[in-house]
Amino acid sequence: MSLGYGTLARIGHLYPSGGLSDYEIQLMAPDGVQFVTTRLPFRRTGLADDLALTEDIERHARLLADAEVSAIAVNCTAATLLAGPDRINERVTRATGIRSVTTIEAVLAALAAAGIRRPALLTPYPDEVVAAEREFLSTRGIEVAVHRSIPRATPVEQAAIEPGRWTELAATLDPSAVDGVLLSCAGIRVAGELGRIEDLLGLPVVASNQALLWHLLRTVDVPARPAGYGALLSGRYDRPGSFGPTARC
């Protein structure tokens, strides 16, 4: 856990304004990696609000550029898949001159690294957002085998879900029917449950904040891998030579 100055890396963090789980990515970060957070307007969890989150992203990204960060993370799974990760990265980089990473591209890279093609999808999303995510994943060759949900209408309500509820939900899954678990949403509290879910099911688990941190560590060329937050973040699926901004899974 890193709670001090970014001696290894300083990363800009664009996060939904109503979200309360932005601390999780800092909690999981190795010592010397610092996240500097700026908020993006977001009060409800439907499709319209997800799309609106990136409307003025350039202005918010420029605030992070003032902190001389080495990368900017746009951290909202649903919003980044709906707006398009390539388009978001282009806009942020053009406005700041700083490389950009989105949650959904990190999730896709993590799923590929862990060999997950038929995940169980666990979300706090309303049905319309779940449908959009399933369609997006399907176009990338990832077929959601089963979905479980604790739907919430606001990001504050998403964060209010007790972390253990996600382990309870995972316990309802048949491990033989899926090849991994995707806990999709940067607004839920789940970091401490990731290892428990993997032990319970005997399957790899990918979560939004965990995947984003893992992808960012590779992007800014930090080899440290923190233990206690699932196999992905501990480095089990890293490949030799996978560090650095040009690495791809």
C-alpha atoms as a PDB file:
ATOM      1  CA  MET A   1       0.000   0.000   0.000  1.00  0.00           C
ATOM      2  CA  SER A   2       1.264   3.456  -0.912  1.00  0.00           C
ATOM      3  CA  LEU A   3       0.025   6.493   0.978  1.00  0.00           C
ATOM      4  CA  GLY A   4       2.934   8.817   0.345  1.00  0.00           C
ATOM      5  CA  TYR A   5       4.746  10.686  -2.377  1.00  0.00           C
ATOM      6  CA  GLY A   6       5.021   9.100  -5.821  1.00  0.00           C
ATOM      7  CA  THR A   7       8.700   8.254  -5.868  1.00  0.00           C
ATOM      8  CA  LEU A   8       8.137   5.563  -8.526  1.00  0.00           C
ATOM      9  CA  ALA A   9       5.166   7.002 -10.401  1.00  0.00           C
ATOM     10  CA  ARG A  10       2.560   9.731 -10.125  1.00  0.00           C
ATOM     11  CA  ILE A  11      -0.666   8.885 -11.949  1.00  0.00           C
ATOM     12  CA  GLY A  12      -3.616  11.142 -12.708  1.00  0.00           C
ATOM     13  CA  HIS A  13      -6.976   9.624 -11.846  1.00  0.00           C
ATOM     14  CA  LEU A  14     -10.235  10.827 -13.418  1.00  0.00           C
ATOM     15  CA  TYR A  15     -13.067   9.368 -11.320  1.00  0.00           C
ATOM     16  CA  PRO A  16     -16.880   9.769 -11.134  1.00  0.00           C
ATOM     17  CA  SER A  17     -17.947  12.584  -8.813  1.00  0.00           C
ATOM     18  CA  GLY A  18     -20.457  10.480  -6.880  1.00  0.00           C
ATOM     19  CA  GLY A  19     -18.114   7.525  -6.502  1.00  0.00           C
ATOM     20  CA  LEU A  20     -16.747   6.630  -3.077  1.00  0.00           C
ATOM     21  CA  SER A  21     -14.303   3.829  -3.912  1.00  0.00           C
ATOM     22  CA  ASP A  22     -11.493   5.791  -5.533  1.00  0.00           C
ATOM     23  CA  TYR A  23      -9.389   4.979  -2.466  1.00  0.00           C
ATOM     24  CA  GLU A  24      -9.244   1.310  -3.510  1.00  0.00           C
ATOM     25  CA  ILE A  25      -6.780   1.831  -6.325  1.00  0.00           C
ATOM     26  CA  GLN A  26      -4.459   3.723  -3.970  1.00  0.00           C
ATOM     27  CA  LEU A  27      -4.951   1.043  -1.297  1.00  0.00           C
ATOM     28  CA  MET A  28      -3.758  -1.670  -3.683  1.00  0.00           C
ATOM     29  CA  ALA A  29      -0.894   0.359  -5.174  1.00  0.00           C
ATOM     30  CA  PRO A  30       2.689  -0.620  -4.338  1.00  0.00           C
ATOM     31  CA  ASP A  31       4.777   1.751  -2.248  1.00  0.00           C
ATOM     32  CA  GLY A  32       5.985   4.717  -4.284  1.00  0.00           C
ATOM     33  CA  VAL A  33       2.980   4.880  -6.647  1.00  0.00           C
ATOM     34  CA  GLN A  34       0.753   7.893  -6.031  1.00  0.00           C
ATOM     35  CA  PHE A  35      -2.700   8.581  -7.499  1.00  0.00           C
ATOM     36  CA  VAL A  36      -3.856  12.193  -7.895  1.00  0.00           C
ATOM     37  CA  THR A  37      -7.637  12.298  -8.328  1.00  0.00           C
ATOM     38  CA  THR A  38      -9.905  14.755 -10.135  1.00  0.00           C
ATOM     39  CA  ARG A  39     -13.651  14.193 -10.401  1.00  0.00           C
ATOM     40  CA  LEU A  40     -15.912  13.891 -13.450  1.00  0.00           C
ATOM     41  CA  PRO A  41     -19.630  14.753 -13.086  1.00  0.00           C
ATOM     42  CA  PHE A  42     -21.612  11.558 -12.385  1.00  0.00           C
ATOM     43  CA  ARG A  43     -24.620  11.184 -10.075  1.00  0.00           C
ATOM     44  CA  ARG A  44     -26.668   8.292 -11.435  1.00  0.00           C
ATOM     45  CA  THR A  45     -25.815   4.967 -13.058  1.00  0.00           C
ATOM     46  CA  GLY A  46     -27.842   4.828 -16.290  1.00  0.00           C
ATOM     47  CA  LEU A  47     -26.630   4.943 -19.883  1.00  0.00           C
ATOM     48  CA  ALA A  48     -27.259   8.672 -20.323  1.00  0.00           C
ATOM     49  CA  ASP A  49     -25.187   9.519 -17.255  1.00  0.00           C
ATOM     50  CA  ASP A  50     -22.381   7.184 -18.333  1.00  0.00           C
ATOM     51  CA  LEU A  51     -22.204   8.866 -21.722  1.00  0.00           C
ATOM     52  CA  ALA A  52     -22.306  12.352 -20.194  1.00  0.00           C
ATOM     53  CA  LEU A  53     -19.350  11.619 -17.904  1.00  0.00           C
ATOM     54  CA  THR A  54     -16.778  12.278 -20.636  1.00  0.00           C
ATOM     55  CA  GLU A  55     -18.431  15.339 -22.209  1.00  0.00           C
ATOM     56  CA  ASP A  56     -15.911  17.836 -20.812  1.00  0.00           C
ATOM     57  CA  ILE A  57     -13.072  15.436 -20.105  1.00  0.00           C
ATOM     58  CA  GLU A  58     -10.391  17.701 -21.581  1.00  0.00           C
ATOM     59  CA  ARG A  59     -10.899  20.395 -18.928  1.00  0.00           C
ATOM     60  CA  HIS A  60     -10.651  17.921 -16.075  1.00  0.00           C
ATOM     61  CA  ALA A  61      -7.642  16.178 -17.590  1.00  0.00           C
ATOM     62  CA  ARG A  62      -5.770  19.486 -17.852  1.00  0.00           C
ATOM     63  CA  LEU A  63      -6.105  19.901 -14.077  1.00  0.00           C
ATOM     64  CA  LEU A  64      -4.245  16.622 -13.622  1.00  0.00           C
ATOM     65  CA  ALA A  65      -1.596  17.736 -16.073  1.00  0.00           C
ATOM     66  CA  ASP A  66      -0.775  20.555 -13.642  1.00  0.00           C
ATOM     67  CA  ALA A  67       0.496  17.862 -11.227  1.00  0.00           C
ATOM     68  CA  GLU A  68       2.960  16.637 -13.897  1.00  0.00           C
ATOM     69  CA  VAL A  69       1.593  13.099 -13.845  1.00  0.00           C
ATOM     70  CA  SER A  70       3.152  10.471 -16.102  1.00  0.00           C
ATOM     71  CA  ALA A  71      -0.180   8.924 -17.137  1.00  0.00           C
ATOM     72  CA  ILE A  72      -3.884   9.696 -16.795  1.00  0.00           C
ATOM     73  CA  ALA A  73      -6.391   6.969 -15.930  1.00  0.00           C
ATOM     74  CA  VAL A  74     -10.032   7.494 -16.923  1.00  0.00           C
ATOM     75  CA  ASN A  75     -11.686   5.255 -14.362  1.00  0.00           C
ATOM     76  CA  CYS A  76     -15.278   4.249 -15.026  1.00  0.00           C
ATOM     77  CA  THR A  77     -15.891   0.895 -16.676  1.00  0.00           C
ATOM     78  CA  ALA A  78     -19.305   1.554 -18.191  1.00  0.00           C
ATOM     79  CA  ALA A  79     -18.565   5.110 -19.339  1.00  0.00           C
ATOM     80  CA  THR A  80     -15.307   4.173 -21.027  1.00  0.00           C
ATOM     81  CA  LEU A  81     -16.807   1.257 -22.936  1.00  0.00           C
ATOM     82  CA  LEU A  82     -19.758   3.371 -24.067  1.00  0.00           C
ATOM     83  CA  ALA A  83     -17.689   6.399 -25.129  1.00  0.00           C
ATOM     84  CA  GLY A  84     -14.977   4.200 -26.668  1.00  0.00           C
ATOM     85  CA  PRO A  85     -11.526   3.796 -25.118  1.00  0.00           C
ATOM     86  CA  ASP A  86      -9.605   4.853 -28.223  1.00  0.00           C
ATOM     87  CA  ARG A  87     -11.623   8.040 -28.580  1.00  0.00           C
ATOM     88  CA  ILE A  88     -11.240   8.907 -24.889  1.00  0.00           C
ATOM     89  CA  ASN A  89      -7.491   8.336 -24.973  1.00  0.00           C
ATOM     90  CA  GLU A  90      -7.145  10.470 -28.084  1.00  0.00           C
ATOM     91  CA  ARG A  91      -9.018  13.355 -26.474  1.00  0.00           C
ATOM     92  CA  VAL A  92      -7.120  13.232 -23.179  1.00  0.00           C
ATOM     93  CA  THR A  93      -3.714  12.944 -24.827  1.00  0.00           C
ATOM     94  CA  ARG A  94      -4.445  15.702 -27.324  1.00  0.00           C
ATOM     95  CA  ALA A  95      -5.534  18.023 -24.490  1.00  0.00           C
ATOM     96  CA  THR A  96      -2.598  17.270 -22.175  1.00  0.00           C
ATOM     97  CA  GLY A  97       0.224  15.611 -24.090  1.00  0.00           C
ATOM     98  CA  ILE A  98       0.057  12.792 -21.512  1.00  0.00           C
ATOM     99  CA  ARG A  99      -0.697   9.150 -22.279  1.00  0.00           C
ATOM    100  CA  SER A 100      -4.150   7.982 -21.216  1.00  0.00           C
ATOM    101  CA  VAL A 101      -5.516   4.628 -20.073  1.00  0.00           C
ATOM    102  CA  THR A 102      -9.179   3.653 -19.629  1.00  0.00           C
ATOM    103  CA  THR A 103     -10.745   1.111 -17.305  1.00  0.00           C
ATOM    104  CA  ILE A 104     -12.333  -0.946 -20.053  1.00  0.00           C
ATOM    105  CA  GLU A 105      -9.087  -1.421 -21.990  1.00  0.00           C
ATOM    106  CA  ALA A 106      -7.424  -2.507 -18.740  1.00  0.00           C
ATOM    107  CA  VAL A 107     -10.241  -4.989 -18.123  1.00  0.00           C
ATOM    108  CA  LEU A 108      -9.887  -6.409 -21.630  1.00  0.00           C
ATOM    109  CA  ALA A 109      -6.115  -6.754 -21.210  1.00  0.00           C
ATOM    110  CA  ALA A 110      -6.582  -8.448 -17.838  1.00  0.00           C
ATOM    111  CA  LEU A 111      -9.152 -10.903 -19.171  1.00  0.00           C
ATOM    112  CA  ALA A 112      -6.794 -11.806 -22.012  1.00  0.00           C
ATOM    113  CA  ALA A 113      -3.818 -12.225 -19.680  1.00  0.00           C
ATOM    114  CA  ALA A 114      -5.801 -14.509 -17.357  1.00  0.00           C
ATOM    115  CA  GLY A 115      -7.229 -16.499 -20.276  1.00  0.00           C
ATOM    116  CA  ILE A 116     -10.828 -15.625 -19.435  1.00  0.00           C
ATOM    117  CA  ARG A 117     -13.207 -15.960 -22.398  1.00  0.00           C
ATOM    118  CA  ARG A 118     -16.447 -17.053 -20.696  1.00  0.00           C
ATOM    119  CA  PRO A 119     -16.662 -15.067 -17.467  1.00  0.00           C
ATOM    120  CA  ALA A 120     -19.325 -14.804 -14.859  1.00  0.00           C
ATOM    121  CA  LEU A 121     -20.174 -11.093 -14.833  1.00  0.00           C
ATOM    122  CA  LEU A 122     -20.971  -9.531 -11.450  1.00  0.00           C
ATOM    123  CA  THR A 123     -22.205  -5.920 -11.465  1.00  0.00           C
ATOM    124  CA  PRO A 124     -24.082  -3.225  -9.530  1.00  0.00           C
ATOM    125  CA  TYR A 125     -25.521  -1.891 -12.809  1.00  0.00           C
ATOM    126  CA  PRO A 126     -29.093  -1.371 -14.039  1.00  0.00           C
ATOM    127  CA  ASP A 127     -30.218  -3.715 -16.820  1.00  0.00           C
ATOM    128  CA  GLU A 128     -29.554  -1.255 -19.658  1.00  0.00           C
ATOM    129  CA  VAL A 129     -25.893  -0.892 -18.669  1.00  0.00           C
ATOM    130  CA  VAL A 130     -25.480  -4.649 -18.265  1.00  0.00           C
ATOM    131  CA  ALA A 131     -26.862  -5.176 -21.759  1.00  0.00           C
ATOM    132  CA  ALA A 132     -24.436  -2.622 -23.214  1.00  0.00           C
ATOM    133  CA  GLU A 133     -21.474  -4.238 -21.477  1.00  0.00           C
ATOM    134  CA  ARG A 134     -22.417  -7.739 -22.577  1.00  0.00           C
ATOM    135  CA  GLU A 135     -22.695  -6.538 -26.179  1.00  0.00           C
ATOM    136  CA  PHE A 136     -19.346  -4.724 -25.976  1.00  0.00           C
ATOM    137  CA  LEU A 137     -17.590  -7.777 -24.558  1.00  0.00           C
ATOM    138  CA  SER A 138     -19.191 -10.031 -27.163  1.00  0.00           C
ATOM    139  CA  THR A 139     -17.739  -7.935 -29.999  1.00  0.00           C
ATOM    140  CA  ARG A 140     -14.310  -8.582 -28.424  1.00  0.00           C
ATOM    141  CA  GLY A 141     -14.820 -12.352 -28.335  1.00  0.00           C
ATOM    142  CA  ILE A 142     -15.790 -12.540 -24.669  1.00  0.00           C
ATOM    143  CA  GLU A 143     -19.105 -14.281 -24.037  1.00  0.00           C
ATOM    144  CA  VAL A 144     -20.654 -13.690 -20.636  1.00  0.00           C
ATOM    145  CA  ALA A 145     -21.716 -17.147 -19.471  1.00  0.00           C
ATOM    146  CA  VAL A 146     -23.762 -15.958 -16.500  1.00  0.00           C
ATOM    147  CA  HIS A 147     -24.629 -12.645 -14.895  1.00  0.00           C
ATOM    148  CA  ARG A 148     -25.334 -11.817 -11.268  1.00  0.00           C
ATOM    149  CA  SER A 149     -26.301  -8.339 -10.149  1.00  0.00           C
ATOM    150  CA  ILE A 150     -26.896  -6.114  -7.146  1.00  0.00           C
ATOM    151  CA  PRO A 151     -28.353  -3.195  -9.143  1.00  0.00           C
ATOM    152  CA  ARG A 152     -28.068   0.299  -7.689  1.00  0.00           C
ATOM    153  CA  ALA A 153     -29.310   3.632  -9.038  1.00  0.00           C
ATOM    154  CA  THR A 154     -26.462   5.893  -7.907  1.00  0.00           C
ATOM    155  CA  PRO A 155     -22.690   5.621  -7.420  1.00  0.00           C
ATOM    156  CA  VAL A 156     -23.177   6.349  -3.707  1.00  0.00           C
ATOM    157  CA  GLU A 157     -25.485   3.328  -3.474  1.00  0.00           C
ATOM    158  CA  GLN A 158     -22.979   1.206  -5.389  1.00  0.00           C
ATOM    159  CA  ALA A 159     -20.267   1.979  -2.857  1.00  0.00           C
ATOM    160  CA  ALA A 160     -22.638   1.242   0.035  1.00  0.00           C
ATOM    161  CA  ILE A 161     -22.803  -2.444  -0.915  1.00  0.00           C
ATOM    162  CA  GLU A 162     -20.894  -4.360   1.751  1.00  0.00           C
ATOM    163  CA  PRO A 163     -17.794  -6.004   0.230  1.00  0.00           C
ATOM    164  CA  GLY A 164     -18.759  -9.437   1.523  1.00  0.00           C
ATOM    165  CA  ARG A 165     -21.920  -9.353  -0.577  1.00  0.00           C
ATOM    166  CA  TRP A 166     -19.774  -9.866  -3.671  1.00  0.00           C
ATOM    167  CA  THR A 167     -18.254 -13.017  -2.198  1.00  0.00           C
ATOM    168  CA  GLU A 168     -21.741 -14.256  -1.300  1.00  0.00           C
ATOM    169  CA  LEU A 169     -22.873 -13.583  -4.857  1.00  0.00           C
ATOM    170  CA  ALA A 170     -19.847 -15.399  -6.265  1.00  0.00           C
ATOM    171  CA  ALA A 171     -20.688 -18.385  -4.051  1.00  0.00           C
ATOM    172  CA  THR A 172     -23.888 -18.891  -6.073  1.00  0.00           C
ATOM    173  CA  LEU A 173     -21.870 -19.591  -9.239  1.00  0.00           C
ATOM    174  CA  ASP A 174     -21.110 -22.997 -10.718  1.00  0.00           C
ATOM    175  CA  PRO A 175     -17.324 -22.917 -11.300  1.00  0.00           C
ATOM    176  CA  SER A 176     -17.596 -25.559 -14.021  1.00  0.00           C
ATOM    177  CA  ALA A 177     -19.791 -23.247 -16.152  1.00  0.00           C
ATOM    178  CA  VAL A 178     -17.320 -20.336 -16.378  1.00  0.00           C
ATOM    179  CA  ASP A 179     -13.574 -19.795 -16.762  1.00  0.00           C
ATOM    180  CA  GLY A 180     -13.283 -16.740 -14.516  1.00  0.00           C
ATOM    181  CA  VAL A 181     -15.115 -13.893 -12.840  1.00  0.00           C
ATOM    182  CA  LEU A 182     -15.385 -10.256 -13.905  1.00  0.00           C
ATOM    183  CA  LEU A 183     -16.442  -7.846 -11.160  1.00  0.00           C
ATOM    184  CA  SER A 184     -17.293  -4.838 -13.278  1.00  0.00           C
ATOM    185  CA  CYS A 185     -17.459  -1.371 -11.710  1.00  0.00           C
ATOM    186  CA  ALA A 186     -14.873   1.043 -10.363  1.00  0.00           C
ATOM    187  CA  GLY A 187     -17.369   2.224  -7.765  1.00  0.00           C
ATOM    188  CA  ILE A 188     -17.689  -0.902  -5.620  1.00  0.00           C
ATOM    189  CA  ARG A 189     -15.681  -1.939  -2.573  1.00  0.00           C
ATOM    190  CA  VAL A 190     -14.193  -5.316  -3.416  1.00  0.00           C
ATOM    191  CA  ALA A 191     -10.388  -5.231  -3.182  1.00  0.00           C
ATOM    192  CA  GLY A 192     -10.211  -7.276  -0.001  1.00  0.00           C
ATOM    193  CA  GLU A 193     -12.550  -9.947  -1.370  1.00  0.00           C
ATOM    194  CA  LEU A 194     -10.690 -10.795  -4.584  1.00  0.00           C
ATOM    195  CA  GLY A 195      -8.427 -13.463  -3.107  1.00  0.00           C
ATOM    196  CA  ARG A 196     -11.331 -14.961  -1.159  1.00  0.00           C
ATOM    197  CA  ILE A 197     -13.413 -15.314  -4.320  1.00  0.00           C
ATOM    198  CA  GLU A 198     -10.517 -16.941  -6.176  1.00  0.00           C
ATOM    199  CA  ASP A 199     -10.013 -19.414  -3.320  1.00  0.00           C
ATOM    200  CA  LEU A 200     -13.736 -20.126  -3.195  1.00  0.00           C
ATOM    201  CA  LEU A 201     -14.141 -20.858  -6.904  1.00  0.00           C
ATOM    202  CA  GLY A 202     -10.654 -21.908  -7.959  1.00  0.00           C
ATOM    203  CA  LEU A 203     -10.873 -19.417 -10.828  1.00  0.00           C
ATOM    204  CA  PRO A 204      -9.141 -16.151 -11.759  1.00  0.00           C
ATOM    205  CA  VAL A 205     -10.950 -12.956 -10.811  1.00  0.00           C
ATOM    206  CA  VAL A 206     -10.688  -9.615 -12.602  1.00  0.00           C
ATOM    207  CA  ALA A 207     -12.123  -6.446 -11.034  1.00  0.00           C
ATOM    208  CA  SER A 208     -12.201  -2.958 -12.515  1.00  0.00           C
ATOM    209  CA  ASN A 209      -9.899  -1.103 -10.094  1.00  0.00           C
ATOM    210  CA  GLN A 210      -7.573  -4.096  -9.766  1.00  0.00           C
ATOM    211  CA  ALA A 211      -7.265  -4.439 -13.555  1.00  0.00           C
ATOM    212  CA  LEU A 212      -6.703  -0.719 -14.026  1.00  0.00           C
ATOM    213  CA  LEU A 213      -3.908  -0.647 -11.457  1.00  0.00           C
ATOM    214  CA  TRP A 214      -2.279  -3.734 -13.019  1.00  0.00           C
ATOM    215  CA  HIS A 215      -2.429  -2.184 -16.479  1.00  0.00           C
ATOM    216  CA  LEU A 216      -1.113   1.159 -15.245  1.00  0.00           C
ATOM    217  CA  LEU A 217       1.866  -0.448 -13.514  1.00  0.00           C
ATOM    218  CA  ARG A 218       2.826  -1.957 -16.856  1.00  0.00           C
ATOM    219  CA  THR A 219       2.179   1.322 -18.663  1.00  0.00           C
ATOM    220  CA  VAL A 220       4.475   3.369 -16.399  1.00  0.00           C
ATOM    221  CA  ASP A 221       7.030   0.545 -16.181  1.00  0.00           C
ATOM    222  CA  VAL A 222       6.759  -0.198 -12.452  1.00  0.00           C
ATOM    223  CA  PRO A 223       7.598  -3.897 -11.885  1.00  0.00           C
ATOM    224  CA  ALA A 224       6.338  -4.085  -8.275  1.00  0.00           C
ATOM    225  CA  ARG A 225       3.325  -6.367  -7.847  1.00  0.00           C
ATOM    226  CA  PRO A 226       1.288  -6.138  -4.622  1.00  0.00           C
ATOM    227  CA  ALA A 227       0.043  -9.352  -2.994  1.00  0.00           C
ATOM    228  CA  GLY A 228      -3.346  -9.852  -1.385  1.00  0.00           C
ATOM    229  CA  TYR A 229      -5.586  -8.580  -4.183  1.00  0.00           C
ATOM    230  CA  GLY A 230      -5.907 -11.570  -6.473  1.00  0.00           C
ATOM    231  CA  ALA A 231      -3.668 -13.483  -8.836  1.00  0.00           C
ATOM    232  CA  LEU A 232      -3.738 -10.830 -11.567  1.00  0.00           C
ATOM    233  CA  LEU A 233      -2.284  -8.047  -9.453  1.00  0.00           C
ATOM    234  CA  SER A 234       0.241 -10.334  -7.792  1.00  0.00           C
ATOM    235  CA  GLY A 235       1.802 -10.853 -11.231  1.00  0.00           C
ATOM    236  CA  ARG A 236       0.798 -14.458 -11.886  1.00  0.00           C
ATOM    237  CA  TYR A 237      -0.300 -13.664 -15.442  1.00  0.00           C
ATOM    238  CA  ASP A 238       2.468 -11.237 -16.349  1.00  0.00           C
ATOM    239  CA  ARG A 239       4.579 -12.352 -19.274  1.00  0.00           C
ATOM    240  CA  PRO A 240       8.326 -11.739 -19.621  1.00  0.00           C
ATOM    241  CA  GLY A 241       8.918  -8.373 -21.229  1.00  0.00           C
ATOM    242  CA  SER A 242       5.354  -7.245 -20.546  1.00  0.00           C
ATOM    243  CA  PHE A 243       6.348  -4.005 -18.804  1.00  0.00           C
ATOM    244  CA  GLY A 244       6.352  -0.627 -20.467  1.00  0.00           C
ATOM    245  CA  PRO A 245       3.925   1.635 -22.351  1.00  0.00           C
ATOM    246  CA  THR A 246       3.911  -0.392 -25.566  1.00  0.00           C
ATOM    247  CA  ALA A 247       3.072  -3.738 -23.949  1.00  0.00           C
ATOM    248  CA  ARG A 248      -0.139  -5.444 -24.982  1.00  0.00           C
ATOM    249  CA  CYS A 249      -1.912  -8.543 -23.809  1.00  0.00           C
END
